C-alpha atoms as a PDB file:
ATOM      1  CA  UNK A   1       0.000   0.000   0.000  1.00  0.00           C
ATOM      2  CA  UNK A   2       1.286   3.436  -0.868  1.00  0.00           C
ATOM      3  CA  UNK A   3       0.308   6.328   1.327  1.00  0.00           C
ATOM      4  CA  UNK A   4       0.018   9.368  -0.922  1.00  0.00           C
ATOM      5  CA  UNK A   5      -1.533  12.793  -0.649  1.00  0.00           C
ATOM      6  CA  UNK A   6      -3.685  15.128  -2.696  1.00  0.00           C
ATOM      7  CA  UNK A   7      -3.727  18.901  -2.440  1.00  0.00           C
ATOM      8  CA  UNK A   8      -6.570  21.413  -2.670  1.00  0.00           C
ATOM      9  CA  UNK A   9      -9.299  18.904  -1.805  1.00  0.00           C
ATOM     10  CA  UNK A  10     -11.368  18.204   1.247  1.00  0.00           C
ATOM     11  CA  UNK A  11      -9.761  15.546   3.368  1.00  0.00           C
ATOM     12  CA  UNK A  12      -9.480  14.793   7.062  1.00  0.00           C
ATOM     13  CA  UNK A  13      -7.435  13.634   9.994  1.00  0.00           C
ATOM     14  CA  UNK A  14      -7.967  10.995  12.645  1.00  0.00           C
ATOM     15  CA  UNK A  15      -6.349   9.856  15.831  1.00  0.00           C
ATOM     16  CA  UNK A  16      -5.905   6.464  17.374  1.00  0.00           C
ATOM     17  CA  UNK A  17      -5.822   5.411  21.015  1.00  0.00           C
ATOM     18  CA  UNK A  18      -4.913   1.777  21.539  1.00  0.00           C
ATOM     19  CA  UNK A  19      -6.120   0.388  24.864  1.00  0.00           C
ATOM     20  CA  UNK A  20      -3.264  -0.893  27.040  1.00  0.00           C
ATOM     21  CA  UNK A  21      -0.770  -0.083  24.328  1.00  0.00           C
ATOM     22  CA  UNK A  22      -1.043   3.514  23.168  1.00  0.00           C
ATOM     23  CA  UNK A  23      -2.810   6.531  24.547  1.00  0.00           C
ATOM     24  CA  UNK A  24      -4.200   9.309  22.406  1.00  0.00           C
ATOM     25  CA  UNK A  25      -4.807  12.590  24.174  1.00  0.00           C
ATOM     26  CA  UNK A  26      -8.349  13.594  24.955  1.00  0.00           C
ATOM     27  CA  UNK A  27      -9.875  15.456  22.058  1.00  0.00           C
ATOM     28  CA  UNK A  28     -12.364  18.305  22.176  1.00  0.00           C
ATOM     29  CA  UNK A  29     -15.802  16.972  21.315  1.00  0.00           C
ATOM     30  CA  UNK A  30     -18.788  18.780  19.965  1.00  0.00           C
ATOM     31  CA  UNK A  31     -22.062  16.890  20.422  1.00  0.00           C
ATOM     32  CA  UNK A  32     -22.952  16.955  16.721  1.00  0.00           C
ATOM     33  CA  UNK A  33     -19.543  15.614  15.752  1.00  0.00           C
ATOM     34  CA  UNK A  34     -19.037  12.803  18.261  1.00  0.00           C
ATOM     35  CA  UNK A  35     -20.141  10.041  15.883  1.00  0.00           C
ATOM     36  CA  UNK A  36     -17.957  11.365  13.081  1.00  0.00           C
ATOM     37  CA  UNK A  37     -14.983  11.753  15.370  1.00  0.00           C
ATOM     38  CA  UNK A  38     -15.485   8.235  16.662  1.00  0.00           C
ATOM     39  CA  UNK A  39     -15.351   6.880  13.116  1.00  0.00           C
ATOM     40  CA  UNK A  40     -12.176   8.842  12.453  1.00  0.00           C
ATOM     41  CA  UNK A  41     -10.550   7.440  15.565  1.00  0.00           C
ATOM     42  CA  UNK A  42     -11.663   3.823  15.411  1.00  0.00           C
ATOM     43  CA  UNK A  43     -13.607   3.011  12.270  1.00  0.00           C
ATOM     44  CA  UNK A  44     -17.074   1.439  12.508  1.00  0.00           C
ATOM     45  CA  UNK A  45     -16.061  -1.698  14.434  1.00  0.00           C
ATOM     46  CA  UNK A  46     -15.987  -1.066  18.216  1.00  0.00           C
ATOM     47  CA  UNK A  47     -13.956  -4.265  18.755  1.00  0.00           C
ATOM     48  CA  UNK A  48     -10.948  -2.344  17.432  1.00  0.00           C
ATOM     49  CA  UNK A  49     -10.908  -0.561  20.794  1.00  0.00           C
ATOM     50  CA  UNK A  50     -10.130  -3.815  22.587  1.00  0.00           C
ATOM     51  CA  UNK A  51      -6.416  -4.247  22.144  1.00  0.00           C
ATOM     52  CA  UNK A  52      -4.219  -6.302  24.433  1.00  0.00           C
ATOM     53  CA  UNK A  53      -0.445  -5.792  24.458  1.00  0.00           C
ATOM     54  CA  UNK A  54       1.442  -8.910  25.517  1.00  0.00           C
ATOM     55  CA  UNK A  55       5.113  -9.108  26.414  1.00  0.00           C
ATOM     56  CA  UNK A  56       7.312 -12.204  26.809  1.00  0.00           C
ATOM     57  CA  UNK A  57       6.190 -12.701  30.419  1.00  0.00           C
ATOM     58  CA  UNK A  58       2.598 -13.329  29.287  1.00  0.00           C
ATOM     59  CA  UNK A  59       3.611 -15.971  26.721  1.00  0.00           C
ATOM     60  CA  UNK A  60       4.930 -19.481  27.083  1.00  0.00           C
ATOM     61  CA  UNK A  61       8.497 -20.012  25.820  1.00  0.00           C
ATOM     62  CA  UNK A  62       7.082 -21.899  22.829  1.00  0.00           C
ATOM     63  CA  UNK A  63       4.739 -19.022  21.991  1.00  0.00           C
ATOM     64  CA  UNK A  64       7.510 -16.441  22.307  1.00  0.00           C
ATOM     65  CA  UNK A  65       9.696 -18.508  19.957  1.00  0.00           C
ATOM     66  CA  UNK A  66       7.014 -18.204  17.256  1.00  0.00           C
ATOM     67  CA  UNK A  67       7.394 -14.419  17.329  1.00  0.00           C
ATOM     68  CA  UNK A  68      10.824 -13.444  18.612  1.00  0.00           C
ATOM     69  CA  UNK A  69      12.861 -11.867  15.831  1.00  0.00           C
ATOM     70  CA  UNK A  70      10.584 -13.309  13.170  1.00  0.00           C
ATOM     71  CA  UNK A  71       9.664  -9.991  11.517  1.00  0.00           C
ATOM     72  CA  UNK A  72      12.345  -8.924   9.038  1.00  0.00           C
ATOM     73  CA  UNK A  73      12.247  -5.391   7.634  1.00  0.00           C
ATOM     74  CA  UNK A  74      14.388  -3.516   5.134  1.00  0.00           C
ATOM     75  CA  UNK A  75      14.444  -0.437   2.950  1.00  0.00           C
ATOM     76  CA  UNK A  76      13.260  -1.420  -0.516  1.00  0.00           C
ATOM     77  CA  UNK A  77      15.632  -1.366  -3.509  1.00  0.00           C
ATOM     78  CA  UNK A  78      14.133   1.951  -4.642  1.00  0.00           C
ATOM     79  CA  UNK A  79      15.159   3.612  -1.351  1.00  0.00           C
ATOM     80  CA  UNK A  80      11.607   4.985  -0.991  1.00  0.00           C
ATOM     81  CA  UNK A  81       9.758   2.004   0.424  1.00  0.00           C
ATOM     82  CA  UNK A  82       9.735  -0.211   3.503  1.00  0.00           C
ATOM     83  CA  UNK A  83       9.363  -3.961   3.047  1.00  0.00           C
ATOM     84  CA  UNK A  84       8.669  -6.432   5.824  1.00  0.00           C
ATOM     85  CA  UNK A  85       7.864 -10.102   6.260  1.00  0.00           C
ATOM     86  CA  UNK A  86       6.651 -12.197   9.176  1.00  0.00           C
ATOM     87  CA  UNK A  87       7.719 -15.847   9.051  1.00  0.00           C
ATOM     88  CA  UNK A  88       6.684 -17.774  12.180  1.00  0.00           C
ATOM     89  CA  UNK A  89       9.398 -19.584  14.096  1.00  0.00           C
ATOM     90  CA  UNK A  90       9.599 -23.347  14.333  1.00  0.00           C
ATOM     91  CA  UNK A  91       8.724 -23.946  10.696  1.00  0.00           C
ATOM     92  CA  UNK A  92       5.044 -23.309  11.403  1.00  0.00           C
ATOM     93  CA  UNK A  93       2.536 -22.190   8.815  1.00  0.00           C
ATOM     94  CA  UNK A  94       0.705 -18.936   9.480  1.00  0.00           C
ATOM     95  CA  UNK A  95      -2.427 -20.876  10.337  1.00  0.00           C
ATOM     96  CA  UNK A  96      -0.651 -23.108  12.866  1.00  0.00           C
ATOM     97  CA  UNK A  97       1.202 -20.153  14.400  1.00  0.00           C
ATOM     98  CA  UNK A  98      -2.087 -18.296  14.794  1.00  0.00           C
ATOM     99  CA  UNK A  99      -3.711 -21.300  16.485  1.00  0.00           C
ATOM    100  CA  UNK A 100      -0.878 -21.668  18.985  1.00  0.00           C
ATOM    101  CA  UNK A 101      -1.039 -17.962  19.822  1.00  0.00           C
ATOM    102  CA  UNK A 102      -4.812 -18.000  20.317  1.00  0.00           C
ATOM    103  CA  UNK A 103      -5.636 -15.829  17.298  1.00  0.00           C
ATOM    104  CA  UNK A 104      -7.383 -16.618  14.040  1.00  0.00           C
ATOM    105  CA  UNK A 105      -5.096 -14.680  11.696  1.00  0.00           C
ATOM    106  CA  UNK A 106      -2.400 -12.014  11.484  1.00  0.00           C
ATOM    107  CA  UNK A 107      -2.293  -8.549   9.956  1.00  0.00           C
ATOM    108  CA  UNK A 108      -0.394  -5.277  10.275  1.00  0.00           C
ATOM    109  CA  UNK A 109      -1.608  -2.323  12.337  1.00  0.00           C
ATOM    110  CA  UNK A 110      -0.003   0.928  11.202  1.00  0.00           C
ATOM    111  CA  UNK A 111      -0.106   4.455  12.564  1.00  0.00           C
ATOM    112  CA  UNK A 112       1.182   7.806  11.460  1.00  0.00           C
ATOM    113  CA  UNK A 113       3.092   8.836  14.587  1.00  0.00           C
ATOM    114  CA  UNK A 114       4.792  12.113  13.651  1.00  0.00           C
ATOM    115  CA  UNK A 115       4.198  14.895  11.150  1.00  0.00           C
ATOM    116  CA  UNK A 116       5.720  18.319  10.513  1.00  0.00           C
ATOM    117  CA  UNK A 117       4.848  20.699  13.330  1.00  0.00           C
ATOM    118  CA  UNK A 118       3.147  23.148  10.963  1.00  0.00           C
ATOM    119  CA  UNK A 119       0.543  20.538   9.918  1.00  0.00           C
ATOM    120  CA  UNK A 120      -2.901  20.599  11.555  1.00  0.00           C
ATOM    121  CA  UNK A 121      -4.961  17.414  11.203  1.00  0.00           C
ATOM    122  CA  UNK A 122      -8.752  17.336  11.223  1.00  0.00           C
ATOM    123  CA  UNK A 123     -11.566  14.877  10.568  1.00  0.00           C
ATOM    124  CA  UNK A 124     -13.736  15.555   7.566  1.00  0.00           C
ATOM    125  CA  UNK A 125     -16.598  16.296   7.180  1.00  0.00           C
ATOM    126  CA  UNK A 126     -16.949  17.333  10.831  1.00  0.00           C
ATOM    127  CA  UNK A 127     -13.770  19.407  10.957  1.00  0.00           C
ATOM    128  CA  UNK A 128     -12.970  18.056  14.448  1.00  0.00           C
ATOM    129  CA  UNK A 129      -9.248  18.580  15.205  1.00  0.00           C
ATOM    130  CA  UNK A 130      -7.279  15.408  15.811  1.00  0.00           C
ATOM    131  CA  UNK A 131      -4.011  14.574  17.510  1.00  0.00           C
ATOM    132  CA  UNK A 132      -1.411  11.971  16.667  1.00  0.00           C
ATOM    133  CA  UNK A 133      -1.221   9.053  16.227  1.00  0.00           C
ATOM    134  CA  UNK A 134      -3.449   8.476  13.178  1.00  0.00           C
ATOM    135  CA  UNK A 135      -4.669   5.224  11.706  1.00  0.00           C
ATOM    136  CA  UNK A 136      -3.030   4.381   8.402  1.00  0.00           C
ATOM    137  CA  UNK A 137      -4.926   3.579   6.231  1.00  0.00           C
ATOM    138  CA  UNK A 138      -7.873   5.930   6.512  1.00  0.00           C
ATOM    139  CA  UNK A 139     -10.328   4.287   8.900  1.00  0.00           C
ATOM    140  CA  UNK A 140     -13.592   4.821   7.019  1.00  0.00           C
ATOM    141  CA  UNK A 141     -14.781   5.296   3.466  1.00  0.00           C
ATOM    142  CA  UNK A 142     -17.059   8.108   4.679  1.00  0.00           C
ATOM    143  CA  UNK A 143     -14.379   9.948   6.673  1.00  0.00           C
ATOM    144  CA  UNK A 144     -11.054  11.427   5.619  1.00  0.00           C
ATOM    145  CA  UNK A 145      -7.976  13.089   7.044  1.00  0.00           C
ATOM    146  CA  UNK A 146      -7.355  16.696   6.145  1.00  0.00           C
ATOM    147  CA  UNK A 147      -3.971  18.294   6.678  1.00  0.00           C
ATOM    148  CA  UNK A 148      -3.873  22.096   6.811  1.00  0.00           C
ATOM    149  CA  UNK A 149      -0.531  23.839   6.398  1.00  0.00           C
ATOM    150  CA  UNK A 150      -0.571  26.551   9.078  1.00  0.00           C
ATOM    151  CA  UNK A 151       1.963  28.570   7.106  1.00  0.00           C
ATOM    152  CA  UNK A 152      -0.362  29.406   4.211  1.00  0.00           C
ATOM    153  CA  UNK A 153      -3.695  27.627   4.838  1.00  0.00           C
ATOM    154  CA  UNK A 154      -3.313  25.173   1.966  1.00  0.00           C
ATOM    155  CA  UNK A 155      -4.877  21.737   2.454  1.00  0.00           C
ATOM    156  CA  UNK A 156      -3.768  18.200   1.801  1.00  0.00           C
ATOM    157  CA  UNK A 157      -5.858  15.034   1.674  1.00  0.00           C
ATOM    158  CA  UNK A 158      -4.328  11.746   2.766  1.00  0.00           C
ATOM    159  CA  UNK A 159      -5.180   8.898   0.416  1.00  0.00           C
ATOM    160  CA  UNK A 160      -3.901   5.366   0.717  1.00  0.00           C
ATOM    161  CA  UNK A 161      -3.433   4.605  -2.967  1.00  0.00           C
ATOM    162  CA  UNK A 162      -3.179   6.470  -6.232  1.00  0.00           C
ATOM    163  CA  UNK A 163      -6.317   4.896  -7.679  1.00  0.00           C
ATOM    164  CA  UNK A 164      -8.792   2.040  -7.100  1.00  0.00           C
ATOM    165  CA  UNK A 165      -7.709  -1.327  -8.380  1.00  0.00           C
ATOM    166  CA  UNK A 166      -3.988  -0.646  -8.270  1.00  0.00           C
ATOM    167  CA  UNK A 167      -1.752  -3.338  -6.732  1.00  0.00           C
ATOM    168  CA  UNK A 168      -1.142  -1.449  -3.489  1.00  0.00           C
ATOM    169  CA  UNK A 169      -4.655  -0.010  -3.170  1.00  0.00           C
ATOM    170  CA  UNK A 170      -6.241  -1.277   0.049  1.00  0.00           C
ATOM    171  CA  UNK A 171      -9.657  -2.702   0.636  1.00  0.00           C
ATOM    172  CA  UNK A 172     -11.847  -1.218   3.348  1.00  0.00           C
ATOM    173  CA  UNK A 173      -9.065  -1.942   5.848  1.00  0.00           C
ATOM    174  CA  UNK A 174     -10.449  -0.954   9.237  1.00  0.00           C
ATOM    175  CA  UNK A 175      -8.289  -0.735  11.241  1.00  0.00           C
ATOM    176  CA  UNK A 176      -5.865  -3.069   9.511  1.00  0.00           C
ATOM    177  CA  UNK A 177      -3.289  -2.391   6.867  1.00  0.00           C
ATOM    178  CA  UNK A 178      -4.804  -4.922   4.479  1.00  0.00           C
ATOM    179  CA  UNK A 179      -8.022  -6.922   4.176  1.00  0.00           C
ATOM    180  CA  UNK A 180      -9.764  -8.983   1.546  1.00  0.00           C
ATOM    181  CA  UNK A 181      -7.984  -9.331  -1.773  1.00  0.00           C
ATOM    182  CA  UNK A 182      -5.040  -7.172  -0.703  1.00  0.00           C
ATOM    183  CA  UNK A 183      -4.400  -9.316   2.344  1.00  0.00           C
ATOM    184  CA  UNK A 184      -4.399 -12.387   0.107  1.00  0.00           C
ATOM    185  CA  UNK A 185      -1.781 -10.784  -2.118  1.00  0.00           C
ATOM    186  CA  UNK A 186       0.445 -10.197   0.906  1.00  0.00           C
ATOM    187  CA  UNK A 187       0.011 -13.694   2.338  1.00  0.00           C
ATOM    188  CA  UNK A 188       1.137 -17.201   1.541  1.00  0.00           C
ATOM    189  CA  UNK A 189       1.002 -20.274   3.750  1.00  0.00           C
ATOM    190  CA  UNK A 190       4.310 -19.495   5.418  1.00  0.00           C
ATOM    191  CA  UNK A 191       4.559 -15.692   5.624  1.00  0.00           C
ATOM    192  CA  UNK A 192       2.782 -12.343   5.808  1.00  0.00           C
ATOM    193  CA  UNK A 193       4.357  -9.500   3.820  1.00  0.00           C
ATOM    194  CA  UNK A 194       4.291  -5.725   4.189  1.00  0.00           C
ATOM    195  CA  UNK A 195       5.189  -2.895   1.819  1.00  0.00           C
ATOM    196  CA  UNK A 196       4.584   0.837   1.979  1.00  0.00           C
ATOM    197  CA  UNK A 197       5.915   3.748  -0.074  1.00  0.00           C
ATOM    198  CA  UNK A 198       4.601   7.072   1.259  1.00  0.00           C
ATOM    199  CA  UNK A 199       5.053  10.395  -0.445  1.00  0.00           C
ATOM    200  CA  UNK A 200       3.886  13.993  -0.228  1.00  0.00           C
ATOM    201  CA  UNK A 201       4.238  17.109  -2.418  1.00  0.00           C
ATOM    202  CA  UNK A 202       7.468  18.975  -1.701  1.00  0.00           C
ATOM    203  CA  UNK A 203       5.564  22.165  -0.856  1.00  0.00           C
ATOM    204  CA  UNK A 204       4.159  20.353   2.206  1.00  0.00           C
ATOM    205  CA  UNK A 205       7.415  18.659   3.138  1.00  0.00           C
ATOM    206  CA  UNK A 206      10.389  21.033   2.897  1.00  0.00           C
ATOM    207  CA  UNK A 207      13.922  19.761   3.495  1.00  0.00           C
ATOM    208  CA  UNK A 208      14.354  18.530   7.059  1.00  0.00           C
ATOM    209  CA  UNK A 209      10.663  17.686   7.561  1.00  0.00           C
ATOM    210  CA  UNK A 210       9.490  14.092   7.567  1.00  0.00           C
ATOM    211  CA  UNK A 211       6.599  11.779   8.350  1.00  0.00           C
ATOM    212  CA  UNK A 212       6.961   9.053  10.989  1.00  0.00           C
ATOM    213  CA  UNK A 213       5.198   5.696  11.113  1.00  0.00           C
ATOM    214  CA  UNK A 214       4.890   2.746  13.478  1.00  0.00           C
ATOM    215  CA  UNK A 215       3.912  -0.665  12.121  1.00  0.00           C
ATOM    216  CA  UNK A 216       3.003  -3.607  14.351  1.00  0.00           C
ATOM    217  CA  UNK A 217       2.252  -7.246  13.724  1.00  0.00           C
ATOM    218  CA  UNK A 218      -1.227  -7.848  15.116  1.00  0.00           C
ATOM    219  CA  UNK A 219      -3.258 -10.961  15.839  1.00  0.00           C
ATOM    220  CA  UNK A 220      -7.036 -10.994  15.508  1.00  0.00           C
ATOM    221  CA  UNK A 221      -8.714 -13.047  18.229  1.00  0.00           C
ATOM    222  CA  UNK A 222     -11.914 -15.074  17.690  1.00  0.00           C
ATOM    223  CA  UNK A 223     -14.077 -12.275  19.130  1.00  0.00           C
ATOM    224  CA  UNK A 224     -12.539  -9.755  16.711  1.00  0.00           C
ATOM    225  CA  UNK A 225     -10.441  -7.975  19.324  1.00  0.00           C
ATOM    226  CA  UNK A 226      -6.731  -7.439  18.774  1.00  0.00           C
ATOM    227  CA  UNK A 227      -3.431  -8.424  20.332  1.00  0.00           C
ATOM    228  CA  UNK A 228       0.030  -7.018  19.696  1.00  0.00           C
ATOM    229  CA  UNK A 229       3.336  -8.280  21.064  1.00  0.00           C
ATOM    230  CA  UNK A 230       5.963  -6.192  22.825  1.00  0.00           C
ATOM    231  CA  UNK A 231       9.729  -6.701  23.222  1.00  0.00           C
ATOM    232  CA  UNK A 232       9.847  -9.466  20.624  1.00  0.00           C
ATOM    233  CA  UNK A 233      10.908  -7.510  17.530  1.00  0.00           C
ATOM    234  CA  UNK A 234       7.513  -7.794  15.830  1.00  0.00           C
ATOM    235  CA  UNK A 235       7.101  -4.000  15.489  1.00  0.00           C
ATOM    236  CA  UNK A 236       9.089  -1.302  13.711  1.00  0.00           C
ATOM    237  CA  UNK A 237       9.300   2.478  13.517  1.00  0.00           C
ATOM    238  CA  UNK A 238      10.268   4.275  10.344  1.00  0.00           C
ATOM    239  CA  UNK A 239      10.202   7.682   8.675  1.00  0.00           C
ATOM    240  CA  UNK A 240      10.092   9.098   5.168  1.00  0.00           C
ATOM    241  CA  UNK A 241      10.809  12.462   3.560  1.00  0.00           C
ATOM    242  CA  UNK A 242      10.017  11.371  -0.006  1.00  0.00           C
ATOM    243  CA  UNK A 243       8.566  14.061  -2.274  1.00  0.00           C
ATOM    244  CA  UNK A 244       6.158  13.019  -4.998  1.00  0.00           C
ATOM    245  CA  UNK A 245       6.987  15.833  -7.380  1.00  0.00           C
ATOM    246  CA  UNK A 246      10.791  16.144  -7.306  1.00  0.00           C
ATOM    247  CA  UNK A 247      11.817  12.549  -6.588  1.00  0.00           C
ATOM    248  CA  UNK A 248      14.087  13.469  -3.687  1.00  0.00           C
ATOM    249  CA  UNK A 249      14.026  11.922  -0.245  1.00  0.00           C
ATOM    250  CA  UNK A 250      13.237   8.425   0.938  1.00  0.00           C
ATOM    251  CA  UNK A 251      13.297   6.233   4.016  1.00  0.00           C
ATOM    252  CA  UNK A 252      15.361   7.924   6.711  1.00  0.00           C
ATOM    253  CA  UNK A 253      14.861   5.662   9.723  1.00  0.00           C
ATOM    254  CA  UNK A 254      14.027   1.994  10.204  1.00  0.00           C
ATOM    255  CA  UNK A 255      14.043   0.675  13.765  1.00  0.00           C
ATOM    256  CA  UNK A 256      12.602  -2.713  14.740  1.00  0.00           C
ATOM    257  CA  UNK A 257      11.474  -3.041  18.358  1.00  0.00           C
END
């Protein structure tokens, strides 16, 4: 999936608060906009709010061995993309690894965690201001993220692909990085892949400014709630300063954790 941006259109912003894992600051709420803000923060499925973060102490040694160091990430050959792959330990298939970890399948949960300080994010169409982190991809087909450049008032819409039907164009991925046909393209019996190539017009991202992301391997439990794993190397932080219009910039950080 490629995170790209459009200018001079109505878009929106959204924040994410992951229970027991991440905390988003309290946001100002207007009664008429609560439902819209909720969709921007979580998407339509309330089970996304139920996220459990497990460290090695909560897993058996055999479970930890399935995960520990089993997510490999690298900067893509183009220098502009991040590529990752989860291969369960012990020679397990994805299905068997999921069963032993008490989940039904795996996916990636990604957030936008830092943006240039002169960007203001809001949720469209309500206009409710939002704070980092943001879901990536956009959490709802009926809601968008709008970035306003405080320097000149210009606007920027976050989109998660250049056009419907393209190879990296996501399905209605709420709150996951891939669902449906896209998830199938990123999955085989033995591994789950990840690729992202964000970009933004240079006018919104001058030299020295960058966008930061955090990507986590996530398990989906039978009730639809989520689990992530800490201190096992299944998560990674990264940043990009790639410009869409001048070709400069690329991946500047890549830190598994």
